[in-house]
């Protein structure tokens, strides 16, 4: 399973970390992680598994928690 915040960069032809990684949903409701390659700045998109969606939701609730 790929790490959160990583994806395959088409230009570099290697799995790279993403800057500004965030979760979106396609029109059909499928979750996707989007960001930019740290080396070349190319847009990277990666389909997310249900486990990654749960982790994103937990991470978002922790950031909103003031304690």
C-alpha atoms as a PDB file:
ATOM      1  CA  UNK A   1       0.000   0.000   0.000  1.00  0.00           C
ATOM      2  CA  UNK A   2       1.384   3.435  -0.967  1.00  0.00           C
ATOM      3  CA  UNK A   3       1.995   6.051   1.683  1.00  0.00           C
ATOM      4  CA  UNK A   4      -0.311   9.025   2.045  1.00  0.00           C
ATOM      5  CA  UNK A   5       1.088  12.049   0.241  1.00  0.00           C
ATOM      6  CA  UNK A   6       2.931  10.060  -2.428  1.00  0.00           C
ATOM      7  CA  UNK A   7       2.120   9.320  -6.044  1.00  0.00           C
ATOM      8  CA  UNK A   8       3.682   8.374  -9.363  1.00  0.00           C
ATOM      9  CA  UNK A   9       5.075  11.396 -11.210  1.00  0.00           C
ATOM     10  CA  UNK A  10       4.704  10.930 -14.965  1.00  0.00           C
ATOM     11  CA  UNK A  11       7.499  13.391 -15.755  1.00  0.00           C
ATOM     12  CA  UNK A  12      10.069  12.004 -13.247  1.00  0.00           C
ATOM     13  CA  UNK A  13       8.896   8.393 -13.787  1.00  0.00           C
ATOM     14  CA  UNK A  14       9.201   7.579 -10.087  1.00  0.00           C
ATOM     15  CA  UNK A  15       7.037   7.650  -6.942  1.00  0.00           C
ATOM     16  CA  UNK A  16       7.501  11.038  -5.285  1.00  0.00           C
ATOM     17  CA  UNK A  17       6.096  12.945  -2.329  1.00  0.00           C
ATOM     18  CA  UNK A  18       3.375  15.504  -3.048  1.00  0.00           C
ATOM     19  CA  UNK A  19       3.256  19.088  -1.880  1.00  0.00           C
ATOM     20  CA  UNK A  20      -0.151  20.458  -1.035  1.00  0.00           C
ATOM     21  CA  UNK A  21      -1.677  16.974  -1.022  1.00  0.00           C
ATOM     22  CA  UNK A  22      -5.432  17.016  -0.447  1.00  0.00           C
ATOM     23  CA  UNK A  23      -8.387  14.720  -0.961  1.00  0.00           C
ATOM     24  CA  UNK A  24     -11.081  15.324  -3.564  1.00  0.00           C
ATOM     25  CA  UNK A  25     -13.819  13.215  -5.069  1.00  0.00           C
ATOM     26  CA  UNK A  26     -14.530  12.507  -8.728  1.00  0.00           C
ATOM     27  CA  UNK A  27     -18.056  12.987 -10.099  1.00  0.00           C
ATOM     28  CA  UNK A  28     -18.768   9.303  -9.480  1.00  0.00           C
ATOM     29  CA  UNK A  29     -17.788   9.693  -5.789  1.00  0.00           C
ATOM     30  CA  UNK A  30     -14.425   7.914  -5.997  1.00  0.00           C
ATOM     31  CA  UNK A  31     -11.844   9.456  -3.633  1.00  0.00           C
ATOM     32  CA  UNK A  32      -8.624  10.814  -5.152  1.00  0.00           C
ATOM     33  CA  UNK A  33      -5.540  12.416  -3.625  1.00  0.00           C
ATOM     34  CA  UNK A  34      -4.141  15.391  -5.549  1.00  0.00           C
ATOM     35  CA  UNK A  35      -0.940  17.375  -5.181  1.00  0.00           C
ATOM     36  CA  UNK A  36       2.237  18.490  -6.947  1.00  0.00           C
ATOM     37  CA  UNK A  37       5.581  16.710  -7.361  1.00  0.00           C
ATOM     38  CA  UNK A  38       8.224  18.152  -5.018  1.00  0.00           C
ATOM     39  CA  UNK A  39      10.926  17.970  -7.721  1.00  0.00           C
ATOM     40  CA  UNK A  40       9.310  19.165 -10.950  1.00  0.00           C
ATOM     41  CA  UNK A  41       5.921  20.612  -9.898  1.00  0.00           C
ATOM     42  CA  UNK A  42       3.834  18.344 -12.150  1.00  0.00           C
ATOM     43  CA  UNK A  43       0.289  17.626 -10.956  1.00  0.00           C
ATOM     44  CA  UNK A  44      -0.062  14.159  -9.398  1.00  0.00           C
ATOM     45  CA  UNK A  45      -3.357  12.334  -8.828  1.00  0.00           C
ATOM     46  CA  UNK A  46      -3.752   9.003  -7.053  1.00  0.00           C
ATOM     47  CA  UNK A  47      -6.865   6.945  -6.431  1.00  0.00           C
ATOM     48  CA  UNK A  48      -7.375   6.346  -2.709  1.00  0.00           C
ATOM     49  CA  UNK A  49      -8.386   3.190  -0.891  1.00  0.00           C
ATOM     50  CA  UNK A  50     -11.060   3.161   1.810  1.00  0.00           C
ATOM     51  CA  UNK A  51      -8.302   2.882   4.443  1.00  0.00           C
ATOM     52  CA  UNK A  52      -6.639   6.065   3.188  1.00  0.00           C
ATOM     53  CA  UNK A  53      -9.961   7.924   3.269  1.00  0.00           C
ATOM     54  CA  UNK A  54     -10.416   6.949   6.934  1.00  0.00           C
ATOM     55  CA  UNK A  55      -6.883   8.161   7.733  1.00  0.00           C
ATOM     56  CA  UNK A  56      -7.530  11.483   5.960  1.00  0.00           C
ATOM     57  CA  UNK A  57     -10.773  11.976   7.887  1.00  0.00           C
ATOM     58  CA  UNK A  58      -9.034  11.206  11.200  1.00  0.00           C
ATOM     59  CA  UNK A  59      -6.173  13.575  10.333  1.00  0.00           C
ATOM     60  CA  UNK A  60      -8.652  16.344   9.500  1.00  0.00           C
ATOM     61  CA  UNK A  61     -10.520  15.937  12.784  1.00  0.00           C
ATOM     62  CA  UNK A  62      -7.243  16.074  14.753  1.00  0.00           C
ATOM     63  CA  UNK A  63      -6.242  19.350  13.057  1.00  0.00           C
ATOM     64  CA  UNK A  64      -9.599  20.894  13.941  1.00  0.00           C
ATOM     65  CA  UNK A  65      -9.293  19.801  17.585  1.00  0.00           C
ATOM     66  CA  UNK A  66      -8.094  22.788  19.706  1.00  0.00           C
ATOM     67  CA  UNK A  67      -6.735  20.575  22.514  1.00  0.00           C
END
